[in-house]
N, C-alpha and C. Protein backbone atom coordinates (compact mmCIF):
# COMPACT_ATOMS: atom_id res chain seq x y z
N MET A 1 -113.34 65.65 22.04
CA MET A 1 -113.14 66.77 21.58
C MET A 1 -112.82 67.63 22.53
N GLN A 2 -112.20 69.22 22.03
CA GLN A 2 -111.11 70.00 22.93
C GLN A 2 -111.88 70.68 22.28
N LEU A 3 -111.97 71.67 23.50
CA LEU A 3 -112.41 73.52 23.50
C LEU A 3 -111.39 74.48 23.92
N THR A 4 -111.05 75.25 23.37
CA THR A 4 -110.22 76.21 23.46
C THR A 4 -110.85 77.78 23.49
N LYS A 5 -111.15 78.58 24.68
CA LYS A 5 -111.14 79.47 23.98
C LYS A 5 -110.39 80.53 23.83
N HIS A 6 -111.21 81.40 23.16
CA HIS A 6 -110.51 82.54 22.21
C HIS A 6 -111.07 84.15 22.71
N GLY A 7 -110.54 85.24 22.35
CA GLY A 7 -110.97 86.21 22.62
C GLY A 7 -112.61 86.56 22.66
N HIS A 8 -113.19 86.80 23.18
CA HIS A 8 -114.33 87.33 23.82
C HIS A 8 -115.49 86.34 23.39
N ALA A 9 -115.94 85.96 21.76
CA ALA A 9 -117.21 85.12 22.10
C ALA A 9 -116.67 84.41 20.87
N ALA A 10 -115.27 84.25 20.75
CA ALA A 10 -114.62 83.20 19.87
C ALA A 10 -114.03 81.51 20.50
N VAL A 11 -114.46 80.48 20.20
CA VAL A 11 -114.12 79.73 20.54
C VAL A 11 -113.30 78.40 19.38
N VAL A 12 -112.79 77.91 19.79
CA VAL A 12 -111.87 76.15 18.79
C VAL A 12 -112.62 74.87 18.96
N LEU A 13 -113.03 74.60 18.61
CA LEU A 13 -113.31 72.90 18.72
C LEU A 13 -112.65 71.72 17.52
N SER A 14 -111.76 71.31 18.44
CA SER A 14 -110.96 70.30 17.45
C SER A 14 -111.12 68.91 18.11
N GLU A 15 -110.39 68.46 17.29
CA GLU A 15 -110.04 66.84 17.45
C GLU A 15 -109.28 66.10 16.65
N GLY A 16 -108.01 65.60 16.72
CA GLY A 16 -107.32 65.20 16.41
C GLY A 16 -106.46 66.54 15.26
N ASP A 17 -106.48 66.32 13.91
CA ASP A 17 -105.86 67.41 13.43
C ASP A 17 -107.02 68.34 13.17
N ARG A 18 -108.03 68.28 13.32
CA ARG A 18 -109.72 68.63 12.69
C ARG A 18 -110.02 70.22 14.01
N ARG A 19 -109.85 71.51 13.04
CA ARG A 19 -109.80 72.39 13.75
C ARG A 19 -111.53 73.61 13.53
N LEU A 20 -112.34 73.46 14.18
CA LEU A 20 -113.44 73.99 14.15
C LEU A 20 -113.37 75.41 14.97
N LEU A 21 -113.28 76.53 14.03
CA LEU A 21 -113.25 78.01 14.71
C LEU A 21 -115.06 78.72 14.64
N LEU A 22 -115.36 79.51 15.81
CA LEU A 22 -116.57 80.18 15.75
C LEU A 22 -117.01 81.09 16.43
N ASP A 23 -117.39 82.42 15.80
CA ASP A 23 -117.38 83.58 15.78
C ASP A 23 -115.87 84.11 15.97
N PRO A 24 -115.28 84.44 15.39
CA PRO A 24 -113.92 85.33 15.81
C PRO A 24 -114.10 86.91 15.29
N GLY A 25 -114.23 87.60 15.91
CA GLY A 25 -114.30 88.80 15.67
C GLY A 25 -113.42 89.48 16.22
N ALA A 26 -113.55 91.17 15.94
CA ALA A 26 -112.81 92.20 16.12
C ALA A 26 -111.50 91.90 17.43
N PHE A 27 -111.98 90.79 18.82
CA PHE A 27 -111.49 91.06 19.90
C PHE A 27 -110.79 89.98 19.73
N THR A 28 -110.57 88.94 18.78
CA THR A 28 -110.01 87.73 18.63
C THR A 28 -108.92 87.67 18.40
N GLU A 29 -107.77 87.02 18.83
CA GLU A 29 -106.23 87.06 19.20
C GLU A 29 -106.15 86.06 17.82
N GLU A 30 -104.96 86.57 16.55
CA GLU A 30 -104.87 85.95 15.96
C GLU A 30 -104.66 84.46 15.75
N SER A 31 -103.92 83.62 17.24
CA SER A 31 -103.91 82.42 17.16
C SER A 31 -104.86 81.50 17.04
N ALA A 32 -106.62 82.36 16.90
CA ALA A 32 -107.20 81.28 17.05
C ALA A 32 -107.43 80.84 15.68
N TRP A 33 -106.78 81.44 14.58
CA TRP A 33 -107.11 81.05 12.82
C TRP A 33 -105.79 79.79 12.68
N GLU A 34 -104.70 79.36 13.77
CA GLU A 34 -104.09 78.68 13.03
C GLU A 34 -105.00 77.24 13.15
N GLY A 35 -104.63 76.64 11.73
CA GLY A 35 -104.66 75.21 11.10
C GLY A 35 -106.41 75.04 11.22
N VAL A 36 -107.27 76.17 10.83
CA VAL A 36 -108.59 76.32 10.72
C VAL A 36 -108.70 75.45 9.86
N GLY A 37 -109.67 74.65 9.73
CA GLY A 37 -110.44 73.83 8.74
C GLY A 37 -111.72 74.70 8.34
N ALA A 38 -112.38 74.99 8.98
CA ALA A 38 -113.75 75.29 8.87
C ALA A 38 -114.60 76.73 9.86
N VAL A 39 -115.21 77.47 9.59
CA VAL A 39 -115.37 78.47 10.46
C VAL A 39 -117.15 78.77 10.25
N LEU A 40 -117.45 79.24 11.50
CA LEU A 40 -119.34 79.07 11.90
C LEU A 40 -119.40 80.27 12.68
N ILE A 41 -120.20 81.11 11.80
CA ILE A 41 -120.66 82.74 12.30
C ILE A 41 -122.03 82.61 12.76
N THR A 42 -122.30 83.49 13.66
CA THR A 42 -123.48 83.50 13.99
C THR A 42 -124.41 84.17 13.49
N HIS A 43 -123.58 85.64 13.52
CA HIS A 43 -124.24 86.64 12.87
C HIS A 43 -123.49 88.33 12.48
N GLU A 44 -123.67 88.98 12.21
CA GLU A 44 -122.31 90.07 11.56
C GLU A 44 -122.15 91.46 12.87
N HIS A 45 -122.44 91.25 13.58
CA HIS A 45 -121.59 92.54 14.57
C HIS A 45 -120.51 92.34 14.64
N PHE A 46 -119.56 92.79 15.10
CA PHE A 46 -117.70 93.40 14.18
C PHE A 46 -117.24 92.10 15.91
N ASP A 47 -118.07 91.89 16.82
CA ASP A 47 -117.30 91.10 18.20
C ASP A 47 -117.30 89.35 17.53
N HIS A 48 -118.16 89.45 16.95
CA HIS A 48 -118.16 88.04 16.40
C HIS A 48 -118.13 87.92 14.78
N LEU A 49 -117.78 88.90 14.19
CA LEU A 49 -117.00 88.96 12.45
C LEU A 49 -116.54 89.76 12.34
N ASP A 50 -115.05 89.65 12.14
CA ASP A 50 -114.10 90.63 11.43
C ASP A 50 -114.21 90.40 10.04
N VAL A 51 -114.51 91.00 8.78
CA VAL A 51 -114.87 91.26 7.88
C VAL A 51 -113.65 90.63 7.08
N GLU A 52 -112.52 91.86 7.39
CA GLU A 52 -111.28 91.58 6.51
C GLU A 52 -110.84 90.79 6.69
N ARG A 53 -110.58 90.10 8.05
CA ARG A 53 -109.90 89.10 8.37
C ARG A 53 -110.15 87.92 7.72
N THR A 54 -111.67 88.14 7.87
CA THR A 54 -112.19 86.35 7.43
C THR A 54 -112.08 86.66 6.18
N LYS A 55 -112.15 87.71 5.24
CA LYS A 55 -112.38 87.40 3.61
C LYS A 55 -111.00 86.81 3.70
N ARG A 56 -109.93 87.75 4.46
CA ARG A 56 -108.00 87.15 3.90
C ARG A 56 -108.28 85.52 4.36
N ALA A 57 -108.39 84.85 5.22
CA ALA A 57 -108.66 83.23 5.48
C ALA A 57 -109.22 82.88 4.15
N LEU A 58 -110.20 83.29 3.78
CA LEU A 58 -110.89 82.43 2.89
C LEU A 58 -109.96 82.55 1.76
N ALA A 59 -109.58 84.00 1.32
CA ALA A 59 -108.38 84.15 0.08
C ALA A 59 -107.18 83.30 0.28
N ASP A 60 -106.84 83.03 1.50
CA ASP A 60 -105.15 82.63 1.95
C ASP A 60 -105.59 81.30 1.33
N ASP A 61 -106.67 80.17 1.92
CA ASP A 61 -106.81 78.96 1.87
C ASP A 61 -108.55 78.57 0.99
N PRO A 62 -107.96 78.04 -0.62
CA PRO A 62 -109.62 77.96 -1.04
C PRO A 62 -110.51 76.89 -0.57
N ALA A 63 -109.36 76.30 -0.06
CA ALA A 63 -110.37 74.70 1.32
C ALA A 63 -110.60 75.00 2.13
N LEU A 64 -111.00 76.40 2.88
CA LEU A 64 -111.15 76.62 3.96
C LEU A 64 -113.48 77.02 3.65
N GLU A 65 -113.91 76.96 4.54
CA GLU A 65 -115.38 76.56 4.57
C GLU A 65 -115.51 77.27 5.36
N LEU A 66 -116.57 78.27 5.39
CA LEU A 66 -117.60 78.58 6.40
C LEU A 66 -119.25 78.79 6.16
N TRP A 67 -119.49 78.43 6.95
CA TRP A 67 -121.07 78.87 7.65
C TRP A 67 -121.40 79.38 8.41
N THR A 68 -122.91 80.36 7.70
CA THR A 68 -123.39 81.42 8.60
C THR A 68 -124.63 81.78 7.91
N ASN A 69 -124.89 83.02 8.05
CA ASN A 69 -126.27 83.20 7.89
C ASN A 69 -126.27 84.56 6.70
N ARG A 70 -127.44 84.58 5.83
CA ARG A 70 -127.42 85.11 4.51
C ARG A 70 -126.90 86.56 4.76
N SER A 71 -126.83 87.54 5.87
CA SER A 71 -126.20 88.84 5.96
C SER A 71 -124.94 88.64 6.20
N VAL A 72 -124.16 87.84 6.65
CA VAL A 72 -123.24 87.76 6.87
C VAL A 72 -122.33 87.24 5.33
N ALA A 73 -122.84 86.10 4.73
CA ALA A 73 -122.28 86.06 3.87
C ALA A 73 -121.99 86.46 2.66
N ASP A 74 -123.56 88.04 2.52
CA ASP A 74 -123.38 88.84 1.23
C ASP A 74 -121.97 89.68 1.87
N GLN A 75 -122.16 89.89 2.87
CA GLN A 75 -120.64 90.96 3.24
C GLN A 75 -119.53 90.27 2.76
N LEU A 76 -119.43 88.73 3.22
CA LEU A 76 -117.96 88.29 2.83
C LEU A 76 -117.28 88.01 1.11
N ASP A 77 -118.96 87.80 0.18
CA ASP A 77 -118.84 87.41 -0.81
C ASP A 77 -117.70 86.42 -1.47
N ALA A 78 -117.92 85.26 -0.70
CA ALA A 78 -116.59 84.50 -0.90
C ALA A 78 -116.77 83.16 -2.05
N GLY A 79 -118.17 83.07 -2.78
CA GLY A 79 -118.23 82.14 -3.63
C GLY A 79 -118.58 80.87 -2.86
N ARG A 80 -118.05 80.01 -3.89
CA ARG A 80 -118.29 78.44 -2.62
C ARG A 80 -117.77 78.30 -1.49
N GLN A 81 -116.88 79.11 -1.42
CA GLN A 81 -116.31 78.60 0.24
C GLN A 81 -117.58 79.17 1.08
N VAL A 82 -118.33 79.83 1.22
CA VAL A 82 -119.35 80.23 1.96
C VAL A 82 -120.70 80.30 1.66
N HIS A 83 -121.14 78.88 2.90
CA HIS A 83 -122.54 78.16 3.09
C HIS A 83 -123.93 79.34 3.17
N VAL A 84 -124.94 79.33 3.24
CA VAL A 84 -125.63 80.23 3.76
C VAL A 84 -126.83 79.13 4.31
N VAL A 85 -126.46 78.84 5.79
CA VAL A 85 -127.90 78.23 6.36
C VAL A 85 -128.34 78.83 7.79
N GLY A 86 -129.85 77.87 7.40
CA GLY A 86 -130.43 79.18 8.87
C GLY A 86 -131.41 77.86 9.70
N HIS A 87 -132.39 78.17 10.48
CA HIS A 87 -132.68 76.88 11.20
C HIS A 87 -132.94 76.20 11.20
N GLY A 88 -132.77 74.85 11.82
CA GLY A 88 -133.31 73.69 11.05
C GLY A 88 -132.34 72.96 9.95
N ASP A 89 -131.68 73.68 9.67
CA ASP A 89 -130.53 72.77 8.74
C ASP A 89 -129.25 71.69 9.18
N ALA A 90 -128.65 71.33 9.15
CA ALA A 90 -128.06 70.82 9.49
C ALA A 90 -126.70 70.10 8.28
N PHE A 91 -125.52 70.33 8.89
CA PHE A 91 -124.45 69.80 7.76
C PHE A 91 -123.71 69.61 8.55
N THR A 92 -121.88 69.04 7.67
CA THR A 92 -121.04 68.69 8.39
C THR A 92 -119.14 69.35 7.66
N ALA A 93 -119.00 69.89 8.98
CA ALA A 93 -118.17 70.92 8.70
C ALA A 93 -116.67 69.76 9.79
N VAL A 94 -115.80 69.42 8.78
CA VAL A 94 -114.42 69.28 8.87
C VAL A 94 -114.43 67.93 10.03
N GLY A 95 -115.79 67.23 9.63
CA GLY A 95 -115.54 66.15 10.31
C GLY A 95 -116.88 65.89 11.70
N PHE A 96 -117.49 67.49 12.16
CA PHE A 96 -118.21 67.80 12.90
C PHE A 96 -119.40 67.55 12.54
N ASP A 97 -120.48 67.17 13.01
CA ASP A 97 -121.69 67.24 12.42
C ASP A 97 -122.29 68.52 13.07
N VAL A 98 -123.10 69.25 12.71
CA VAL A 98 -123.78 70.91 13.22
C VAL A 98 -124.94 71.15 12.75
N ALA A 99 -125.97 70.94 13.73
CA ALA A 99 -127.61 71.36 13.57
C ALA A 99 -127.53 72.83 13.57
N VAL A 100 -128.33 74.05 12.95
CA VAL A 100 -128.49 75.55 13.58
C VAL A 100 -130.11 75.10 14.40
N GLN A 101 -129.52 76.07 15.10
CA GLN A 101 -130.72 76.82 15.88
C GLN A 101 -131.18 78.21 15.95
N GLY A 102 -131.99 78.63 16.24
CA GLY A 102 -132.28 79.64 16.20
C GLY A 102 -132.12 80.66 15.08
N GLU A 103 -132.54 82.36 14.90
CA GLU A 103 -132.88 83.20 14.00
C GLU A 103 -133.03 84.30 14.24
N ARG A 104 -132.72 84.82 14.98
CA ARG A 104 -133.04 86.63 15.60
C ARG A 104 -132.28 86.87 16.49
N HIS A 105 -131.48 87.77 16.62
CA HIS A 105 -130.79 88.30 17.66
C HIS A 105 -131.47 88.34 18.96
N ALA A 106 -130.93 88.66 20.08
CA ALA A 106 -131.63 89.27 21.37
C ALA A 106 -132.31 90.41 21.21
N VAL A 107 -133.26 90.96 21.61
CA VAL A 107 -133.56 92.29 21.56
C VAL A 107 -132.66 93.53 22.35
N ILE A 108 -131.71 94.51 21.71
CA ILE A 108 -131.12 95.01 22.86
C ILE A 108 -132.07 96.54 23.24
N HIS A 109 -132.72 96.66 22.41
CA HIS A 109 -134.22 97.79 22.44
C HIS A 109 -135.34 98.00 21.34
N PRO A 110 -136.34 98.15 21.96
CA PRO A 110 -137.09 98.22 20.99
C PRO A 110 -137.06 99.17 19.91
N ASP A 111 -136.37 100.27 20.30
CA ASP A 111 -136.07 101.10 18.87
C ASP A 111 -134.72 100.45 17.85
N ILE A 112 -134.02 99.52 18.22
CA ILE A 112 -133.17 99.02 17.75
C ILE A 112 -133.57 97.97 16.81
N PRO A 113 -133.48 97.93 15.32
CA PRO A 113 -133.81 96.69 14.83
C PRO A 113 -133.68 95.89 15.13
N THR A 114 -134.11 94.14 15.34
CA THR A 114 -133.01 93.44 15.37
C THR A 114 -132.33 92.45 14.19
N ILE A 115 -131.56 91.84 14.28
CA ILE A 115 -130.63 90.63 12.88
C ILE A 115 -130.94 89.39 13.44
N ALA A 116 -130.22 88.68 12.11
CA ALA A 116 -130.47 87.49 12.24
C ALA A 116 -129.35 86.84 12.89
N ASN A 117 -129.83 85.75 13.65
CA ASN A 117 -128.64 85.47 14.56
C ASN A 117 -128.88 83.94 13.99
N ILE A 118 -127.74 83.00 13.88
CA ILE A 118 -128.12 81.62 14.53
C ILE A 118 -126.95 80.72 15.51
N GLY A 119 -127.49 80.11 16.01
CA GLY A 119 -126.96 79.27 17.16
C GLY A 119 -126.79 78.21 16.42
N PHE A 120 -125.16 77.58 16.74
CA PHE A 120 -124.73 76.30 16.31
C PHE A 120 -124.52 74.81 17.60
N LEU A 121 -125.03 74.06 17.35
CA LEU A 121 -124.95 72.50 18.23
C LEU A 121 -123.87 71.63 17.53
N VAL A 122 -122.65 71.43 18.18
CA VAL A 122 -122.36 70.74 17.37
C VAL A 122 -121.69 69.34 18.30
N GLU A 123 -121.83 68.29 17.47
CA GLU A 123 -122.22 66.69 17.33
C GLU A 123 -123.29 66.20 18.85
N GLY A 124 -124.40 67.42 18.75
CA GLY A 124 -125.59 67.55 19.03
C GLY A 124 -125.05 67.41 20.83
N SER A 125 -124.17 68.07 21.17
CA SER A 125 -123.61 68.04 22.35
C SER A 125 -123.29 69.67 22.60
N VAL A 126 -122.27 70.46 22.18
CA VAL A 126 -121.72 71.60 22.69
C VAL A 126 -122.45 73.07 21.63
N PHE A 127 -123.39 73.67 22.44
CA PHE A 127 -124.14 74.89 21.79
C PHE A 127 -123.43 75.99 21.98
N HIS A 128 -123.42 76.92 20.72
CA HIS A 128 -123.44 77.78 20.73
C HIS A 128 -123.89 79.35 20.15
N PRO A 129 -124.82 80.08 20.83
CA PRO A 129 -126.04 80.56 20.70
C PRO A 129 -126.14 81.93 19.70
N GLY A 130 -124.26 82.05 20.07
CA GLY A 130 -124.35 83.72 19.54
C GLY A 130 -125.06 84.80 20.17
N ASP A 131 -125.69 85.73 20.40
CA ASP A 131 -126.76 86.96 20.66
C ASP A 131 -127.89 86.56 20.59
N ALA A 132 -127.99 85.51 21.28
CA ALA A 132 -129.39 85.02 21.46
C ALA A 132 -129.59 84.21 22.95
N LEU A 133 -130.49 83.97 23.39
CA LEU A 133 -130.61 82.92 24.73
C LEU A 133 -131.53 81.83 23.81
N THR A 134 -131.61 81.03 22.45
CA THR A 134 -132.08 80.03 22.10
C THR A 134 -132.02 78.73 23.23
N VAL A 135 -132.84 78.10 23.41
CA VAL A 135 -133.10 76.81 23.74
C VAL A 135 -133.15 75.75 22.81
N PRO A 136 -132.07 74.83 22.20
CA PRO A 136 -132.12 74.14 21.14
C PRO A 136 -133.24 72.76 21.24
N GLU A 137 -133.40 73.08 20.04
CA GLU A 137 -135.18 71.98 20.26
C GLU A 137 -134.57 70.71 21.11
N GLY A 138 -135.26 69.58 21.16
CA GLY A 138 -134.87 67.96 21.67
C GLY A 138 -134.11 67.62 22.67
N GLY A 139 -133.11 68.72 23.76
CA GLY A 139 -132.39 68.94 24.59
C GLY A 139 -131.03 68.29 24.38
N GLY A 140 -130.80 67.59 24.99
CA GLY A 140 -128.92 66.68 24.93
C GLY A 140 -127.93 67.62 25.62
N VAL A 141 -128.19 69.19 25.00
CA VAL A 141 -127.14 69.80 25.51
C VAL A 141 -126.15 69.42 26.35
N GLN A 142 -124.99 68.99 26.01
CA GLN A 142 -123.97 68.68 27.54
C GLN A 142 -123.15 70.15 27.78
N THR A 143 -122.95 70.70 26.91
CA THR A 143 -121.52 71.89 26.98
C THR A 143 -122.45 73.15 26.45
N LEU A 144 -122.75 74.15 27.16
CA LEU A 144 -123.80 75.84 27.11
C LEU A 144 -122.47 76.21 26.93
N LEU A 145 -122.03 77.35 25.77
CA LEU A 145 -121.56 78.41 25.69
C LEU A 145 -121.65 79.53 25.68
N LEU A 146 -122.00 80.19 27.03
CA LEU A 146 -122.74 80.78 27.83
C LEU A 146 -122.21 82.58 27.62
N PRO A 147 -123.23 83.10 27.19
CA PRO A 147 -123.36 84.82 26.83
C PRO A 147 -122.58 85.86 27.93
N LEU A 148 -122.00 85.75 28.72
CA LEU A 148 -121.95 86.33 30.22
C LEU A 148 -122.61 88.21 30.10
N HIS A 149 -122.30 88.26 29.52
CA HIS A 149 -122.44 89.88 29.07
C HIS A 149 -122.46 90.74 28.18
N ALA A 150 -123.65 91.23 27.75
CA ALA A 150 -123.62 92.09 26.98
C ALA A 150 -124.87 92.93 26.90
N PRO A 151 -125.02 94.01 25.69
CA PRO A 151 -125.88 95.20 25.50
C PRO A 151 -127.40 94.74 26.31
N TRP A 152 -127.86 93.60 25.67
CA TRP A 152 -128.94 93.27 25.70
C TRP A 152 -129.51 92.30 26.67
N SER A 153 -128.77 91.40 27.73
CA SER A 153 -128.74 90.87 28.57
C SER A 153 -128.78 91.30 29.96
N LYS A 154 -129.34 90.55 30.91
CA LYS A 154 -128.90 91.05 32.49
C LYS A 154 -128.70 89.28 33.02
N THR A 155 -128.36 89.46 33.87
CA THR A 155 -128.05 87.89 35.10
C THR A 155 -128.98 87.21 35.09
N GLY A 156 -130.35 87.60 36.17
CA GLY A 156 -131.28 86.52 36.19
C GLY A 156 -131.60 86.34 35.38
N GLU A 157 -132.23 86.63 33.60
CA GLU A 157 -132.02 85.89 32.27
C GLU A 157 -130.91 84.69 31.95
N LEU A 158 -130.12 85.27 31.94
CA LEU A 158 -128.58 83.98 32.24
C LEU A 158 -129.26 82.87 32.97
N ILE A 159 -129.46 83.20 34.50
CA ILE A 159 -129.70 82.12 34.68
C ILE A 159 -130.61 81.44 34.61
N ASP A 160 -131.79 81.85 34.53
CA ASP A 160 -133.07 81.05 34.07
C ASP A 160 -132.91 80.41 32.52
N TYR A 161 -132.15 81.10 31.92
CA TYR A 161 -131.43 80.61 30.42
C TYR A 161 -131.07 78.73 30.71
N VAL A 162 -129.84 78.96 31.60
CA VAL A 162 -129.22 78.08 32.11
C VAL A 162 -129.75 77.10 32.60
N ARG A 163 -130.87 77.18 33.51
CA ARG A 163 -132.05 76.36 33.96
C ARG A 163 -132.80 75.86 32.74
N ALA A 164 -132.76 76.36 31.30
CA ALA A 164 -133.46 75.93 30.71
C ALA A 164 -132.78 74.70 29.76
N VAL A 165 -131.84 75.22 29.83
CA VAL A 165 -130.96 74.56 28.64
C VAL A 165 -130.88 72.99 29.21
N GLN A 166 -130.38 73.27 30.52
CA GLN A 166 -129.60 72.20 31.46
C GLN A 166 -128.88 71.61 30.98
N PRO A 167 -127.81 72.43 30.85
CA PRO A 167 -126.45 71.15 30.50
C PRO A 167 -125.40 71.08 31.45
N ALA A 168 -124.57 70.39 31.31
CA ALA A 168 -123.51 69.27 32.43
C ALA A 168 -123.03 70.37 32.83
N ARG A 169 -122.42 71.26 31.96
CA ARG A 169 -121.37 72.28 32.03
C ARG A 169 -121.98 73.91 30.88
N SER A 170 -121.29 74.88 31.89
CA SER A 170 -121.21 76.10 30.77
C SER A 170 -120.16 77.23 31.15
N TYR A 171 -119.71 77.29 29.62
CA TYR A 171 -119.20 77.92 29.62
C TYR A 171 -118.80 79.69 29.15
N ALA A 172 -118.45 80.06 29.94
CA ALA A 172 -118.37 81.60 29.96
C ALA A 172 -117.61 81.94 28.36
N VAL A 173 -118.33 82.23 27.33
CA VAL A 173 -118.19 83.81 26.47
C VAL A 173 -118.96 84.65 26.23
N HIS A 174 -118.52 85.40 24.96
CA HIS A 174 -118.82 87.20 24.81
C HIS A 174 -118.56 88.01 26.22
N ASP A 175 -117.17 87.45 26.57
CA ASP A 175 -116.98 88.31 28.29
C ASP A 175 -115.75 89.30 28.30
N GLY A 176 -115.30 89.69 26.68
CA GLY A 176 -114.60 90.60 26.70
C GLY A 176 -114.07 91.70 27.11
N LEU A 177 -115.67 92.12 27.18
CA LEU A 177 -116.00 93.62 28.24
C LEU A 177 -115.69 94.13 29.64
N LEU A 178 -115.62 92.75 30.22
CA LEU A 178 -115.85 92.70 31.75
C LEU A 178 -114.17 92.78 32.07
N ASN A 179 -113.85 93.49 32.95
CA ASN A 179 -112.91 93.46 33.98
C ASN A 179 -112.68 91.99 34.96
N ASP A 180 -111.45 92.32 35.88
CA ASP A 180 -111.95 91.30 36.93
C ASP A 180 -113.48 91.04 37.94
N THR A 181 -113.55 92.01 38.01
CA THR A 181 -114.39 92.18 39.42
C THR A 181 -115.78 91.52 38.54
N GLY A 182 -116.41 92.58 37.42
CA GLY A 182 -117.16 92.16 36.16
C GLY A 182 -116.87 90.59 36.15
N LEU A 183 -116.04 89.91 35.94
CA LEU A 183 -116.26 88.44 35.86
C LEU A 183 -116.38 87.78 36.88
N MET A 184 -116.05 87.85 38.25
CA MET A 184 -115.59 87.57 38.94
C MET A 184 -117.27 87.91 39.97
N VAL A 185 -117.89 88.72 39.59
CA VAL A 185 -119.86 89.04 40.08
C VAL A 185 -120.35 87.71 39.08
N GLY A 186 -120.49 88.15 37.40
CA GLY A 186 -120.89 87.17 37.05
C GLY A 186 -120.60 85.24 37.66
N ALA A 187 -119.46 84.99 38.02
CA ALA A 187 -119.25 83.35 37.99
C ALA A 187 -119.87 83.67 39.83
N ASN A 188 -119.89 84.34 40.16
CA ASN A 188 -120.54 84.63 41.92
C ASN A 188 -122.43 84.22 41.56
N PHE A 189 -122.83 84.45 40.74
CA PHE A 189 -124.18 84.67 40.44
C PHE A 189 -124.52 83.44 39.88
N LEU A 190 -123.45 82.72 38.83
CA LEU A 190 -123.68 81.62 38.12
C LEU A 190 -123.09 80.38 39.18
N GLY A 191 -122.30 80.43 40.20
CA GLY A 191 -121.79 79.63 40.86
C GLY A 191 -122.34 79.43 41.95
N GLU A 192 -121.40 78.67 42.99
CA GLU A 192 -122.32 78.84 44.17
C GLU A 192 -123.04 80.24 45.25
N GLY A 193 -122.93 81.13 44.84
CA GLY A 193 -123.02 82.13 45.32
C GLY A 193 -124.89 82.61 44.80
N GLY A 194 -125.33 82.21 43.48
CA GLY A 194 -126.63 82.63 43.15
C GLY A 194 -127.26 81.80 43.79
N PRO A 195 -128.59 81.74 42.72
CA PRO A 195 -129.45 80.94 43.52
C PRO A 195 -129.80 79.31 42.67
N GLY A 196 -128.66 79.21 42.08
CA GLY A 196 -128.71 77.60 41.54
C GLY A 196 -128.89 77.50 39.93
N VAL A 197 -127.99 76.71 39.52
CA VAL A 197 -128.07 76.62 37.77
C VAL A 197 -127.66 74.94 38.08
N PRO A 198 -128.33 74.62 36.97
CA PRO A 198 -127.58 73.17 36.49
C PRO A 198 -126.34 73.21 36.41
N GLY A 199 -125.65 72.09 36.55
CA GLY A 199 -124.30 71.80 36.23
C GLY A 199 -123.15 72.45 36.49
N GLU A 200 -122.34 72.66 35.98
CA GLU A 200 -121.05 73.29 36.30
C GLU A 200 -120.83 74.96 35.83
N TYR A 201 -120.26 75.59 36.31
CA TYR A 201 -120.32 76.72 35.67
C TYR A 201 -118.87 77.08 35.06
N VAL A 202 -118.19 77.30 34.41
CA VAL A 202 -116.73 77.73 34.47
C VAL A 202 -115.68 78.83 33.50
N ARG A 203 -115.26 79.76 33.51
CA ARG A 203 -115.20 80.72 32.51
C ARG A 203 -113.01 80.11 32.54
N LEU A 204 -112.72 79.75 30.96
CA LEU A 204 -111.90 79.45 31.03
C LEU A 204 -110.93 81.07 30.16
N ALA A 205 -109.93 81.17 30.36
CA ALA A 205 -108.98 82.49 29.80
C ALA A 205 -108.85 82.11 28.67
N PRO A 206 -108.33 83.65 27.67
CA PRO A 206 -108.53 82.90 26.31
C PRO A 206 -107.00 82.26 26.37
N GLY A 207 -106.98 81.69 25.54
CA GLY A 207 -105.97 80.14 25.18
C GLY A 207 -106.17 79.27 25.98
N GLU A 208 -106.75 79.04 26.94
CA GLU A 208 -106.66 78.18 27.88
C GLU A 208 -108.19 76.75 26.84
N SER A 209 -107.56 75.34 27.20
CA SER A 209 -108.33 74.50 26.58
C SER A 209 -108.92 73.19 27.53
N VAL A 210 -110.35 72.81 27.46
CA VAL A 210 -110.35 71.59 28.17
C VAL A 210 -110.97 70.69 26.96
N THR A 211 -110.75 68.83 27.53
CA THR A 211 -111.35 68.38 27.12
C THR A 211 -113.27 67.80 27.43
N LEU A 212 -113.53 67.98 26.37
CA LEU A 212 -115.05 67.91 26.88
C LEU A 212 -115.38 66.24 26.73
């Protein structure tokens, strides 16, 4: 399986001609959509969901399918192409086995209502938590897509999260608002300069790929 990083929170998982796109939001470049057969969206925030671009993709390709939670599905209004799922559900998307883990977005502030957020565990080994620090049930995560920077997180929580998940490797996502200095600081704390996390921490540049 190949992992390709795209803008901010978006990644593509591919194998052969099968391409699965996760969380293509407003900061995601157009190339991420090329050849995609299925889409997974964790929640409704604009940096994870570009409503108009997603509607256009669904209209342009009647075979394209999308899995997400109810609040996102209601905004897309795309009929049978959109499947509503929640914590504990499992399905197959373009040949990839996917399990849904998690229910709520992380708390930004007590005065800001939390929204639905679901994470996706692909092939039992690659986990995209969306905007939450969900620890998948049953373990076994080899590749964690780690939300590096957000208004709801702090570095110490990320360190503890990686320790709880115990992945073989963590790849940074949710990093589109950081400049080079911020990226360096994050890499330092999650790498050799920090207190220690299991596995390897890596940040791919947008468009860069790695074989898992």
